Amino acid sequence: FLSPDYRQAVLSFRGLKIAIVQDDYDRTA
């Protein structure tokens, strides 16, 4: 779902990473 550019950017990001999650029950693994 996330664009390849964004995925690579997140991996290279050196700051604080925060995720807000809903629907945690969906594809939890």
PDB file of all heavy atoms in Angstrom:
ATOM      1  N   PHE A   1       0.819  -1.218   0.000  1.00  0.00           N
ATOM      2  CA  PHE A   1       0.000   0.000   0.000  1.00  0.00           C
ATOM      3  C   PHE A   1       0.851   1.266   0.000  1.00  0.00           C
ATOM      4  O   PHE A   1       0.596   2.209  -0.746  1.00  0.00           O
ATOM      5  CB  PHE A   1      -0.936  -0.029   1.199  1.00  0.00           C
ATOM      6  CG  PHE A   1      -1.934   1.105   1.232  1.00  0.00           C
ATOM      7  CD1 PHE A   1      -2.603   1.490   0.093  1.00  0.00           C
ATOM      8  CD2 PHE A   1      -2.212   1.766   2.416  1.00  0.00           C
ATOM      9  CE1 PHE A   1      -3.535   2.520   0.125  1.00  0.00           C
ATOM     10  CE2 PHE A   1      -3.131   2.798   2.457  1.00  0.00           C
ATOM     11  CZ  PHE A   1      -3.792   3.174   1.308  1.00  0.00           C
ATOM     12  N   LEU A   2       1.861   1.315   0.836  1.00  0.00           N
ATOM     13  CA  LEU A   2       2.733   2.483   0.885  1.00  0.00           C
ATOM     14  C   LEU A   2       3.599   2.523  -0.373  1.00  0.00           C
ATOM     15  O   LEU A   2       4.056   1.492  -0.864  1.00  0.00           O
ATOM     16  CB  LEU A   2       3.622   2.419   2.128  1.00  0.00           C
ATOM     17  CG  LEU A   2       2.895   2.305   3.470  1.00  0.00           C
ATOM     18  CD1 LEU A   2       3.894   2.171   4.604  1.00  0.00           C
ATOM     19  CD2 LEU A   2       1.983   3.494   3.700  1.00  0.00           C
ATOM     20  N   SER A   3       3.844   3.723  -0.878  1.00  0.00           N
ATOM     21  CA  SER A   3       4.621   3.833  -2.107  1.00  0.00           C
ATOM     22  C   SER A   3       6.070   3.415  -1.860  1.00  0.00           C
ATOM     23  O   SER A   3       6.599   3.593  -0.755  1.00  0.00           O
ATOM     24  CB  SER A   3       4.581   5.272  -2.630  1.00  0.00           C
ATOM     25  OG  SER A   3       5.426   6.107  -1.855  1.00  0.00           O
ATOM     26  N   PRO A   4       6.736   2.860  -2.869  1.00  0.00           N
ATOM     27  CA  PRO A   4       8.140   2.463  -2.697  1.00  0.00           C
ATOM     28  C   PRO A   4       9.028   3.614  -2.241  1.00  0.00           C
ATOM     29  O   PRO A   4       9.930   3.425  -1.418  1.00  0.00           O
ATOM     30  CB  PRO A   4       8.530   1.974  -4.097  1.00  0.00           C
ATOM     31  CG  PRO A   4       7.238   1.505  -4.701  1.00  0.00           C
ATOM     32  CD  PRO A   4       6.195   2.461  -4.182  1.00  0.00           C
ATOM     33  N   ASP A   5       8.794   4.816  -2.777  1.00  0.00           N
ATOM     34  CA  ASP A   5       9.588   5.972  -2.360  1.00  0.00           C
ATOM     35  C   ASP A   5       9.445   6.228  -0.866  1.00  0.00           C
ATOM     36  O   ASP A   5      10.426   6.479  -0.165  1.00  0.00           O
ATOM     37  CB  ASP A   5       9.134   7.219  -3.126  1.00  0.00           C
ATOM     38  CG  ASP A   5      10.005   7.507  -4.331  1.00  0.00           C
ATOM     39  OD1 ASP A   5      10.614   6.547  -4.846  1.00  0.00           O
ATOM     40  OD2 ASP A   5      10.067   8.669  -4.756  1.00  0.00           O
ATOM     41  N   TYR A   6       8.201   6.181  -0.385  1.00  0.00           N
ATOM     42  CA  TYR A   6       7.970   6.443   1.037  1.00  0.00           C
ATOM     43  C   TYR A   6       8.577   5.353   1.900  1.00  0.00           C
ATOM     44  O   TYR A   6       9.188   5.642   2.942  1.00  0.00           O
ATOM     45  CB  TYR A   6       6.477   6.568   1.309  1.00  0.00           C
ATOM     46  CG  TYR A   6       6.152   6.732   2.775  1.00  0.00           C
ATOM     47  CD1 TYR A   6       6.522   7.883   3.469  1.00  0.00           C
ATOM     48  CD2 TYR A   6       5.491   5.730   3.479  1.00  0.00           C
ATOM     49  CE1 TYR A   6       6.244   8.031   4.829  1.00  0.00           C
ATOM     50  CE2 TYR A   6       5.196   5.870   4.828  1.00  0.00           C
ATOM     51  CZ  TYR A   6       5.582   7.016   5.498  1.00  0.00           C
ATOM     52  OH  TYR A   6       5.313   7.161   6.843  1.00  0.00           O
ATOM     53  N   ARG A   7       8.443   4.103   1.487  1.00  0.00           N
ATOM     54  CA  ARG A   7       9.040   3.010   2.268  1.00  0.00           C
ATOM     55  C   ARG A   7      10.534   3.210   2.415  1.00  0.00           C
ATOM     56  O   ARG A   7      11.106   3.033   3.505  1.00  0.00           O
ATOM     57  CB  ARG A   7       8.738   1.667   1.603  1.00  0.00           C
ATOM     58  CG  ARG A   7       7.268   1.280   1.602  1.00  0.00           C
ATOM     59  CD  ARG A   7       7.098  -0.214   1.380  1.00  0.00           C
ATOM     60  NE  ARG A   7       7.622  -0.666   0.112  1.00  0.00           N
ATOM     61  CZ  ARG A   7       6.913  -0.773  -1.011  1.00  0.00           C
ATOM     62  NH1 ARG A   7       5.628  -0.431  -1.002  1.00  0.00           N
ATOM     63  NH2 ARG A   7       7.455  -1.226  -2.110  1.00  0.00           N
ATOM     64  N   GLN A   8      11.193   3.582   1.317  1.00  0.00           N
ATOM     65  CA  GLN A   8      12.640   3.805   1.383  1.00  0.00           C
ATOM     66  C   GLN A   8      12.966   5.018   2.250  1.00  0.00           C
ATOM     67  O   GLN A   8      13.950   5.014   3.008  1.00  0.00           O
ATOM     68  CB  GLN A   8      13.196   4.009  -0.032  1.00  0.00           C
ATOM     69  CG  GLN A   8      14.717   4.085  -0.098  1.00  0.00           C
ATOM     70  CD  GLN A   8      15.385   2.848   0.476  1.00  0.00           C
ATOM     71  OE1 GLN A   8      14.988   1.726   0.167  1.00  0.00           O
ATOM     72  NE2 GLN A   8      16.383   3.045   1.324  1.00  0.00           N
ATOM     73  N   ALA A   9      12.126   6.043   2.182  1.00  0.00           N
ATOM     74  CA  ALA A   9      12.361   7.235   2.996  1.00  0.00           C
ATOM     75  C   ALA A   9      12.250   6.920   4.481  1.00  0.00           C
ATOM     76  O   ALA A   9      13.042   7.400   5.291  1.00  0.00           O
ATOM     77  CB  ALA A   9      11.367   8.333   2.602  1.00  0.00           C
ATOM     78  N   VAL A  10      11.256   6.114   4.850  1.00  0.00           N
ATOM     79  CA  VAL A  10      11.099   5.750   6.266  1.00  0.00           C
ATOM     80  C   VAL A  10      12.327   4.990   6.752  1.00  0.00           C
ATOM     81  O   VAL A  10      12.829   5.221   7.857  1.00  0.00           O
ATOM     82  CB  VAL A  10       9.825   4.919   6.481  1.00  0.00           C
ATOM     83  CG1 VAL A  10       9.711   4.482   7.946  1.00  0.00           C
ATOM     84  CG2 VAL A  10       8.597   5.721   6.097  1.00  0.00           C
ATOM     85  N   LEU A  11      12.830   4.075   5.939  1.00  0.00           N
ATOM     86  CA  LEU A  11      14.006   3.308   6.327  1.00  0.00           C
ATOM     87  C   LEU A  11      15.222   4.201   6.530  1.00  0.00           C
ATOM     88  O   LEU A  11      16.076   3.925   7.378  1.00  0.00           O
ATOM     89  CB  LEU A  11      14.309   2.244   5.261  1.00  0.00           C
ATOM     90  CG  LEU A  11      13.316   1.081   5.171  1.00  0.00           C
ATOM     91  CD1 LEU A  11      13.602   0.238   3.926  1.00  0.00           C
ATOM     92  CD2 LEU A  11      13.393   0.222   6.422  1.00  0.00           C
ATOM     93  N   SER A  12      15.300   5.290   5.764  1.00  0.00           N
ATOM     94  CA  SER A  12      16.463   6.172   5.853  1.00  0.00           C
ATOM     95  C   SER A  12      16.281   7.297   6.867  1.00  0.00           C
ATOM     96  O   SER A  12      17.219   8.065   7.108  1.00  0.00           O
ATOM     97  CB  SER A  12      16.765   6.782   4.484  1.00  0.00           C
ATOM     98  OG  SER A  12      15.752   7.704   4.101  1.00  0.00           O
ATOM     99  N   PHE A  13      15.087   7.401   7.452  1.00  0.00           N
ATOM    100  CA  PHE A  13      14.806   8.508   8.365  1.00  0.00           C
ATOM    101  C   PHE A  13      15.527   8.313   9.687  1.00  0.00           C
ATOM    102  O   PHE A  13      15.502   7.237  10.274  1.00  0.00           O
ATOM    103  CB  PHE A  13      13.298   8.612   8.610  1.00  0.00           C
ATOM    104  CG  PHE A  13      12.896   9.771   9.478  1.00  0.00           C
ATOM    105  CD1 PHE A  13      13.177  11.070   9.092  1.00  0.00           C
ATOM    106  CD2 PHE A  13      12.242   9.562  10.683  1.00  0.00           C
ATOM    107  CE1 PHE A  13      12.809  12.149   9.889  1.00  0.00           C
ATOM    108  CE2 PHE A  13      11.858  10.621  11.484  1.00  0.00           C
ATOM    109  CZ  PHE A  13      12.152  11.922  11.086  1.00  0.00           C
ATOM    110  N   ARG A  14      16.173   9.376  10.179  1.00  0.00           N
ATOM    111  CA  ARG A  14      16.998   9.288  11.382  1.00  0.00           C
ATOM    112  C   ARG A  14      16.382   9.978  12.588  1.00  0.00           C
ATOM    113  O   ARG A  14      17.035  10.144  13.618  1.00  0.00           O
ATOM    114  CB  ARG A  14      18.391   9.900  11.111  1.00  0.00           C
ATOM    115  CG  ARG A  14      19.145   9.255   9.960  1.00  0.00           C
ATOM    116  CD  ARG A  14      19.239   7.759  10.103  1.00  0.00           C
ATOM    117  NE  ARG A  14      19.977   7.145   9.004  1.00  0.00           N
ATOM    118  CZ  ARG A  14      19.885   5.881   8.653  1.00  0.00           C
ATOM    119  NH1 ARG A  14      19.038   5.089   9.299  1.00  0.00           N
ATOM    120  NH2 ARG A  14      20.593   5.410   7.648  1.00  0.00           N
ATOM    121  N   GLY A  15      15.116  10.386  12.494  1.00  0.00           N
ATOM    122  CA  GLY A  15      14.468  11.031  13.625  1.00  0.00           C
ATOM    123  C   GLY A  15      13.559  10.062  14.376  1.00  0.00           C
ATOM    124  O   GLY A  15      13.666   8.838  14.262  1.00  0.00           O
ATOM    125  N   LEU A  16      12.650  10.621  15.175  1.00  0.00           N
ATOM    126  CA  LEU A  16      11.702   9.834  15.946  1.00  0.00           C
ATOM    127  C   LEU A  16      10.569   9.373  15.029  1.00  0.00           C
ATOM    128  O   LEU A  16       9.933  10.174  14.357  1.00  0.00           O
ATOM    129  CB  LEU A  16      11.140  10.670  17.094  1.00  0.00           C
ATOM    130  CG  LEU A  16      10.051  10.024  17.954  1.00  0.00           C
ATOM    131  CD1 LEU A  16      10.591   8.802  18.687  1.00  0.00           C
ATOM    132  CD2 LEU A  16       9.478  11.044  18.943  1.00  0.00           C
ATOM    133  N   LYS A  17      10.295   8.063  15.036  1.00  0.00           N
ATOM    134  CA  LYS A  17       9.257   7.489  14.178  1.00  0.00           C
ATOM    135  C   LYS A  17       8.067   7.065  15.034  1.00  0.00           C
ATOM    136  O   LYS A  17       8.212   6.234  15.940  1.00  0.00           O
ATOM    137  CB  LYS A  17       9.793   6.285  13.415  1.00  0.00           C
ATOM    138  CG  LYS A  17      10.982   6.576  12.518  1.00  0.00           C
ATOM    139  CD  LYS A  17      11.461   5.305  11.827  1.00  0.00           C
ATOM    140  CE  LYS A  17      12.763   5.539  11.072  1.00  0.00           C
ATOM    141  NZ  LYS A  17      13.234   4.309  10.396  1.00  0.00           N
ATOM    142  N   ILE A  18       6.909   7.641  14.718  1.00  0.00           N
ATOM    143  CA  ILE A  18       5.675   7.344  15.446  1.00  0.00           C
ATOM    144  C   ILE A  18       4.654   6.785  14.462  1.00  0.00           C
ATOM    145  O   ILE A  18       4.463   7.347  13.375  1.00  0.00           O
ATOM    146  CB  ILE A  18       5.103   8.612  16.111  1.00  0.00           C
ATOM    147  CG1 ILE A  18       6.077   9.139  17.177  1.00  0.00           C
ATOM    148  CG2 ILE A  18       3.738   8.345  16.719  1.00  0.00           C
ATOM    149  CD1 ILE A  18       5.648  10.475  17.782  1.00  0.00           C
ATOM    150  N   ALA A  19       3.999   5.694  14.835  1.00  0.00           N
ATOM    151  CA  ALA A  19       2.920   5.126  14.019  1.00  0.00           C
ATOM    152  C   ALA A  19       1.610   5.187  14.793  1.00  0.00           C
ATOM    153  O   ALA A  19       1.572   4.829  15.972  1.00  0.00           O
ATOM    154  CB  ALA A  19       3.231   3.683  13.643  1.00  0.00           C
ATOM    155  N   ILE A  20       0.569   5.675  14.137  1.00  0.00           N
ATOM    156  CA  ILE A  20      -0.783   5.626  14.702  1.00  0.00           C
ATOM    157  C   ILE A  20      -1.522   4.516  13.971  1.00  0.00           C
ATOM    158  O   ILE A  20      -1.613   4.536  12.737  1.00  0.00           O
ATOM    159  CB  ILE A  20      -1.513   6.967  14.535  1.00  0.00           C
ATOM    160  CG1 ILE A  20      -0.727   8.086  15.220  1.00  0.00           C
ATOM    161  CG2 ILE A  20      -2.917   6.882  15.112  1.00  0.00           C
ATOM    162  CD1 ILE A  20      -1.318   9.470  15.005  1.00  0.00           C
ATOM    163  N   VAL A  21      -2.030   3.550  14.723  1.00  0.00           N
ATOM    164  CA  VAL A  21      -2.623   2.353  14.120  1.00  0.00           C
ATOM    165  C   VAL A  21      -4.077   2.219  14.546  1.00  0.00           C
ATOM    166  O   VAL A  21      -4.407   2.409  15.726  1.00  0.00           O
ATOM    167  CB  VAL A  21      -1.847   1.086  14.537  1.00  0.00           C
ATOM    168  CG1 VAL A  21      -2.503  -0.161  13.956  1.00  0.00           C
ATOM    169  CG2 VAL A  21      -0.387   1.179  14.098  1.00  0.00           C
ATOM    170  N   GLN A  22      -4.934   1.914  13.592  1.00  0.00           N
ATOM    171  CA  GLN A  22      -6.294   1.464  13.867  1.00  0.00           C
ATOM    172  C   GLN A  22      -6.503   0.167  13.101  1.00  0.00           C
ATOM    173  O   GLN A  22      -5.688  -0.217  12.270  1.00  0.00           O
ATOM    174  CB  GLN A  22      -7.325   2.520  13.466  1.00  0.00           C
ATOM    175  CG  GLN A  22      -7.267   3.771  14.317  1.00  0.00           C
ATOM    176  CD  GLN A  22      -8.374   4.770  13.988  1.00  0.00           C
ATOM    177  OE1 GLN A  22      -9.313   4.470  13.260  1.00  0.00           O
ATOM    178  NE2 GLN A  22      -8.262   5.969  14.534  1.00  0.00           N
ATOM    179  N   ASP A  23      -7.580  -0.526  13.367  1.00  0.00           N
ATOM    180  CA  ASP A  23      -7.827  -1.825  12.731  1.00  0.00           C
ATOM    181  C   ASP A  23      -6.655  -2.775  12.960  1.00  0.00           C
ATOM    182  O   ASP A  23      -6.221  -3.494  12.045  1.00  0.00           O
ATOM    183  CB  ASP A  23      -8.089  -1.661  11.230  1.00  0.00           C
ATOM    184  CG  ASP A  23      -9.270  -0.750  10.931  1.00  0.00           C
ATOM    185  OD1 ASP A  23     -10.096  -0.548  11.835  1.00  0.00           O
ATOM    186  OD2 ASP A  23      -9.353  -0.246   9.800  1.00  0.00           O
ATOM    187  N   ASP A  24      -6.153  -2.795  14.207  1.00  0.00           N
ATOM    188  CA  ASP A  24      -5.008  -3.644  14.555  1.00  0.00           C
ATOM    189  C   ASP A  24      -5.288  -5.121  14.318  1.00  0.00           C
ATOM    190  O   ASP A  24      -4.351  -5.924  14.224  1.00  0.00           O
ATOM    191  CB  ASP A  24      -4.628  -3.466  16.027  1.00  0.00           C
ATOM    192  CG  ASP A  24      -4.645  -2.025  16.495  1.00  0.00           C
ATOM    193  OD1 ASP A  24      -5.706  -1.385  16.371  1.00  0.00           O
ATOM    194  OD2 ASP A  24      -3.619  -1.551  17.000  1.00  0.00           O
ATOM    195  N   TYR A  25      -6.545  -5.486  14.257  1.00  0.00           N
ATOM    196  CA  TYR A  25      -6.959  -6.871  14.085  1.00  0.00           C
ATOM    197  C   TYR A  25      -6.754  -7.374  12.662  1.00  0.00           C
ATOM    198  O   TYR A  25      -6.849  -8.567  12.393  1.00  0.00           O
ATOM    199  CB  TYR A  25      -8.446  -7.015  14.448  1.00  0.00           C
ATOM    200  CG  TYR A  25      -9.313  -5.963  13.806  1.00  0.00           C
ATOM    201  CD1 TYR A  25      -9.733  -6.081  12.488  1.00  0.00           C
ATOM    202  CD2 TYR A  25      -9.685  -4.825  14.511  1.00  0.00           C
ATOM    203  CE1 TYR A  25     -10.497  -5.103  11.886  1.00  0.00           C
ATOM    204  CE2 TYR A  25     -10.463  -3.841  13.923  1.00  0.00           C
ATOM    205  CZ  TYR A  25     -10.869  -3.984  12.612  1.00  0.00           C
ATOM    206  OH  TYR A  25     -11.614  -2.998  12.026  1.00  0.00           O
ATOM    207  N   ASP A  26      -6.478  -6.491  11.733  1.00  0.00           N
ATOM    208  CA  ASP A  26      -6.381  -6.844  10.316  1.00  0.00           C
ATOM    209  C   ASP A  26      -4.928  -7.154   9.948  1.00  0.00           C
ATOM    210  O   ASP A  26      -4.053  -6.299  10.069  1.00  0.00           O
ATOM    211  CB  ASP A  26      -6.904  -5.688   9.467  1.00  0.00           C
ATOM    212  CG  ASP A  26      -7.369  -6.121   8.100  1.00  0.00           C
ATOM    213  OD1 ASP A  26      -7.245  -7.318   7.781  1.00  0.00           O
ATOM    214  OD2 ASP A  26      -7.867  -5.273   7.347  1.00  0.00           O
ATOM    215  N   ARG A  27      -4.637  -8.406   9.529  1.00  0.00           N
ATOM    216  CA  ARG A  27      -3.281  -8.801   9.134  1.00  0.00           C
ATOM    217  C   ARG A  27      -2.259  -8.405  10.210  1.00  0.00           C
ATOM    218  O   ARG A  27      -1.260  -7.737   9.933  1.00  0.00           O
ATOM    219  CB  ARG A  27      -2.915  -8.198   7.790  1.00  0.00           C
ATOM    220  CG  ARG A  27      -3.839  -8.618   6.658  1.00  0.00           C
ATOM    221  CD  ARG A  27      -3.315  -8.205   5.312  1.00  0.00           C
ATOM    222  NE  ARG A  27      -4.177  -8.667   4.233  1.00  0.00           N
ATOM    223  CZ  ARG A  27      -3.786  -8.756   2.951  1.00  0.00           C
ATOM    224  NH1 ARG A  27      -2.561  -8.409   2.613  1.00  0.00           N
ATOM    225  NH2 ARG A  27      -4.617  -9.191   2.038  1.00  0.00           N
ATOM    226  N   THR A  28      -2.534  -8.813  11.428  1.00  0.00           N
ATOM    227  CA  THR A  28      -1.758  -8.347  12.575  1.00  0.00           C
ATOM    228  C   THR A  28      -0.289  -8.733  12.480  1.00  0.00           C
ATOM    229  O   THR A  28       0.594  -7.942  12.850  1.00  0.00           O
ATOM    230  CB  THR A  28      -2.372  -8.889  13.879  1.00  0.00           C
ATOM    231  OG1 THR A  28      -3.779  -8.627  13.882  1.00  0.00           O
ATOM    232  CG2 THR A  28      -1.749  -8.230  15.084  1.00  0.00           C
ATOM    233  N   ALA A  29       0.025  -9.926  12.004  1.00  0.00           N
ATOM    234  CA  ALA A  29       1.425 -10.335  11.883  1.00  0.00           C
ATOM    235  C   ALA A  29       2.176  -9.462  10.884  1.00  0.00           C
ATOM    236  O   ALA A  29       3.336  -9.096  11.105  1.00  0.00           O
ATOM    237  CB  ALA A  29       1.511 -11.810  11.485  1.00  0.00           C
TER     238      ALA A  29
END
